[in-house]
Amino acid sequence: QVQLVESGGGLVQPGGSLRLSCAASGFVFRNYVMNWYRQAPGKERELVARITSAGDTNYADSMKGRFTISRDNAKNTVSLQMNSLKPEDTAVYYCNAVHVYTQRHYWGQGTQVTVST
């Protein structure tokens, strides 16, 4: 059974940091590109960051320099370190896995991140 389980969300003040984690199981992790997406209320889901099995990364422009994605292929986990958080970063953050060849994809259930005073 495929599972992507996110954790680490919560309430943080502007300028603060959070680290999200996603634990994957039920598929061959190293064969998947891992992504973090987010969806704010009333907005479409958007890509935050992407990491290949080899560790190559891409970020949305508004996250560059503030967010860092990483993965541990031995532990089947992917993380998102978020620094200098802004109120506009408030959203549900989703872990996503996409097979490098077939494009089969899986989603986690999401974790809420709220940036507010």
C-alpha atoms as a PDB file:
ATOM      1  CA  GLN A   1       0.000   0.000   0.000  1.00  0.00           C
ATOM      2  CA  VAL A   2       1.440   3.326  -1.098  1.00  0.00           C
ATOM      3  CA  GLN A   3       1.676   5.952   1.595  1.00  0.00           C
ATOM      4  CA  LEU A   4       3.063   9.473   1.747  1.00  0.00           C
ATOM      5  CA  VAL A   5       2.750  10.838   5.252  1.00  0.00           C
ATOM      6  CA  GLU A   6       3.604  14.477   5.871  1.00  0.00           C
ATOM      7  CA  SER A   7       4.461  15.934   9.242  1.00  0.00           C
ATOM      8  CA  GLY A   8       5.924  19.099  10.725  1.00  0.00           C
ATOM      9  CA  GLY A   9       3.288  21.663   9.875  1.00  0.00           C
ATOM     10  CA  GLY A  10       1.936  24.141  12.377  1.00  0.00           C
ATOM     11  CA  LEU A  11       1.643  27.769  13.373  1.00  0.00           C
ATOM     12  CA  VAL A  12       4.714  29.995  13.139  1.00  0.00           C
ATOM     13  CA  GLN A  13       5.320  33.717  13.330  1.00  0.00           C
ATOM     14  CA  PRO A  14       6.512  35.677  10.304  1.00  0.00           C
ATOM     15  CA  GLY A  15      10.249  35.288   9.923  1.00  0.00           C
ATOM     16  CA  GLY A  16      10.201  31.911  11.607  1.00  0.00           C
ATOM     17  CA  SER A  17      11.119  28.455  10.352  1.00  0.00           C
ATOM     18  CA  LEU A  18       9.492  25.085   9.958  1.00  0.00           C
ATOM     19  CA  ARG A  19      10.723  21.758   8.677  1.00  0.00           C
ATOM     20  CA  LEU A  20       8.278  19.505   6.888  1.00  0.00           C
ATOM     21  CA  SER A  21       8.927  15.815   6.444  1.00  0.00           C
ATOM     22  CA  CYS A  22       7.331  13.195   4.240  1.00  0.00           C
ATOM     23  CA  ALA A  23       7.719   9.486   4.883  1.00  0.00           C
ATOM     24  CA  ALA A  24       7.160   7.298   1.843  1.00  0.00           C
ATOM     25  CA  SER A  25       6.316   3.611   1.693  1.00  0.00           C
ATOM     26  CA  GLY A  26       4.860   1.076  -0.708  1.00  0.00           C
ATOM     27  CA  PHE A  27       6.893   2.015  -3.776  1.00  0.00           C
ATOM     28  CA  VAL A  28      10.519   2.136  -4.929  1.00  0.00           C
ATOM     29  CA  PHE A  29      11.444   5.552  -3.623  1.00  0.00           C
ATOM     30  CA  ARG A  30      14.619   6.030  -5.654  1.00  0.00           C
ATOM     31  CA  ASN A  31      12.623   5.722  -8.900  1.00  0.00           C
ATOM     32  CA  TYR A  32      10.546   8.776  -8.100  1.00  0.00           C
ATOM     33  CA  VAL A  33      11.035  12.493  -8.322  1.00  0.00           C
ATOM     34  CA  MET A  34       9.778  13.971  -5.080  1.00  0.00           C
ATOM     35  CA  ASN A  35       7.928  17.259  -4.960  1.00  0.00           C
ATOM     36  CA  TRP A  36       6.401  19.575  -2.445  1.00  0.00           C
ATOM     37  CA  TYR A  37       3.279  21.458  -3.518  1.00  0.00           C
ATOM     38  CA  ARG A  38       1.121  23.866  -1.613  1.00  0.00           C
ATOM     39  CA  GLN A  39      -2.412  25.148  -1.867  1.00  0.00           C
ATOM     40  CA  ALA A  40      -3.625  28.301  -0.204  1.00  0.00           C
ATOM     41  CA  PRO A  41      -7.332  28.987   0.341  1.00  0.00           C
ATOM     42  CA  GLY A  42      -8.991  30.021  -2.891  1.00  0.00           C
ATOM     43  CA  LYS A  43      -5.874  29.384  -4.932  1.00  0.00           C
ATOM     44  CA  GLU A  44      -4.650  26.624  -7.190  1.00  0.00           C
ATOM     45  CA  ARG A  45      -2.125  24.080  -6.007  1.00  0.00           C
ATOM     46  CA  GLU A  46       1.390  25.201  -6.906  1.00  0.00           C
ATOM     47  CA  LEU A  47       4.778  23.541  -7.049  1.00  0.00           C
ATOM     48  CA  VAL A  48       7.112  24.599  -4.244  1.00  0.00           C
ATOM     49  CA  ALA A  49      10.204  22.484  -4.830  1.00  0.00           C
ATOM     50  CA  ARG A  50      11.363  19.345  -6.613  1.00  0.00           C
ATOM     51  CA  ILE A  51      14.224  16.921  -6.065  1.00  0.00           C
ATOM     52  CA  THR A  52      15.396  14.049  -8.221  1.00  0.00           C
ATOM     53  CA  SER A  53      16.799  10.808  -6.916  1.00  0.00           C
ATOM     54  CA  ALA A  54      20.279  12.131  -7.670  1.00  0.00           C
ATOM     55  CA  GLY A  55      19.608  15.231  -5.581  1.00  0.00           C
ATOM     56  CA  ASP A  56      19.057  17.805  -8.308  1.00  0.00           C
ATOM     57  CA  THR A  57      16.663  20.477  -7.111  1.00  0.00           C
ATOM     58  CA  ASN A  58      14.344  23.111  -8.496  1.00  0.00           C
ATOM     59  CA  TYR A  59      12.365  25.774  -6.659  1.00  0.00           C
ATOM     60  CA  ALA A  60       9.558  28.136  -7.412  1.00  0.00           C
ATOM     61  CA  ASP A  61      10.939  31.643  -7.709  1.00  0.00           C
ATOM     62  CA  SER A  62       9.270  32.934  -4.553  1.00  0.00           C
ATOM     63  CA  MET A  63      10.864  30.137  -2.471  1.00  0.00           C
ATOM     64  CA  LYS A  64      14.417  30.397  -3.760  1.00  0.00           C
ATOM     65  CA  GLY A  65      16.835  31.219  -0.982  1.00  0.00           C
ATOM     66  CA  ARG A  66      14.271  30.555   1.736  1.00  0.00           C
ATOM     67  CA  PHE A  67      13.281  26.918   1.242  1.00  0.00           C
ATOM     68  CA  THR A  68      15.510  23.867   0.926  1.00  0.00           C
ATOM     69  CA  ILE A  69      14.329  20.461  -0.224  1.00  0.00           C
ATOM     70  CA  SER A  70      16.279  17.316   0.606  1.00  0.00           C
ATOM     71  CA  ARG A  71      15.775  13.580   0.493  1.00  0.00           C
ATOM     72  CA  ASP A  72      17.199  10.472   2.084  1.00  0.00           C
ATOM     73  CA  ASN A  73      16.895   7.536  -0.296  1.00  0.00           C
ATOM     74  CA  ALA A  74      17.956   5.108   2.422  1.00  0.00           C
ATOM     75  CA  LYS A  75      15.166   6.227   4.739  1.00  0.00           C
ATOM     76  CA  ASN A  76      12.572   6.962   2.037  1.00  0.00           C
ATOM     77  CA  THR A  77      12.021  10.466   3.266  1.00  0.00           C
ATOM     78  CA  VAL A  78      11.897  13.921   1.754  1.00  0.00           C
ATOM     79  CA  SER A  79      12.044  17.125   3.738  1.00  0.00           C
ATOM     80  CA  LEU A  80      11.393  20.798   3.197  1.00  0.00           C
ATOM     81  CA  GLN A  81      13.224  23.289   5.371  1.00  0.00           C
ATOM     82  CA  MET A  82      11.363  26.591   5.297  1.00  0.00           C
ATOM     83  CA  ASN A  83      13.031  29.734   6.611  1.00  0.00           C
ATOM     84  CA  SER A  84      12.047  33.402   6.674  1.00  0.00           C
ATOM     85  CA  LEU A  85       8.407  32.423   6.465  1.00  0.00           C
ATOM     86  CA  LYS A  86       5.869  34.985   5.334  1.00  0.00           C
ATOM     87  CA  PRO A  87       2.104  35.163   5.832  1.00  0.00           C
ATOM     88  CA  GLU A  88       1.690  34.404   2.134  1.00  0.00           C
ATOM     89  CA  ASP A  89       3.363  31.030   2.739  1.00  0.00           C
ATOM     90  CA  THR A  90       0.251  29.972   4.629  1.00  0.00           C
ATOM     91  CA  ALA A  91      -1.147  26.918   2.864  1.00  0.00           C
ATOM     92  CA  VAL A  92      -1.624  23.200   3.017  1.00  0.00           C
ATOM     93  CA  TYR A  93       1.633  21.605   1.926  1.00  0.00           C
ATOM     94  CA  TYR A  94       1.528  18.318   0.037  1.00  0.00           C
ATOM     95  CA  CYS A  95       4.160  15.706  -0.638  1.00  0.00           C
ATOM     96  CA  ASN A  96       4.046  14.276  -4.167  1.00  0.00           C
ATOM     97  CA  ALA A  97       5.915  11.447  -5.877  1.00  0.00           C
ATOM     98  CA  VAL A  98       6.202  11.059  -9.652  1.00  0.00           C
ATOM     99  CA  HIS A  99       7.803   8.056 -11.354  1.00  0.00           C
ATOM    100  CA  VAL A 100      10.668   9.148 -13.576  1.00  0.00           C
ATOM    101  CA  TYR A 101       9.452   7.138 -16.578  1.00  0.00           C
ATOM    102  CA  THR A 102       5.760   6.296 -16.253  1.00  0.00           C
ATOM    103  CA  GLN A 103       4.707   9.571 -14.573  1.00  0.00           C
ATOM    104  CA  ARG A 104       2.611   7.554 -12.119  1.00  0.00           C
ATOM    105  CA  HIS A 105       2.089   9.836  -9.164  1.00  0.00           C
ATOM    106  CA  TYR A 106       1.051   9.704  -5.539  1.00  0.00           C
ATOM    107  CA  TRP A 107      -0.053  12.364  -3.064  1.00  0.00           C
ATOM    108  CA  GLY A 108       0.107  12.734   0.652  1.00  0.00           C
ATOM    109  CA  GLN A 109      -2.796  14.011   2.724  1.00  0.00           C
ATOM    110  CA  GLY A 110      -1.219  17.411   3.322  1.00  0.00           C
ATOM    111  CA  THR A 111      -0.053  19.326   6.361  1.00  0.00           C
ATOM    112  CA  GLN A 112      -1.208  22.810   7.314  1.00  0.00           C
ATOM    113  CA  VAL A 113       1.317  25.612   7.615  1.00  0.00           C
ATOM    114  CA  THR A 114       0.068  28.883   9.052  1.00  0.00           C
ATOM    115  CA  VAL A 115       2.302  31.951   9.238  1.00  0.00           C
ATOM    116  CA  SER A 116       0.730  34.556  11.456  1.00  0.00           C
ATOM    117  CA  THR A 117       1.243  36.742  14.490  1.00  0.00           C
END
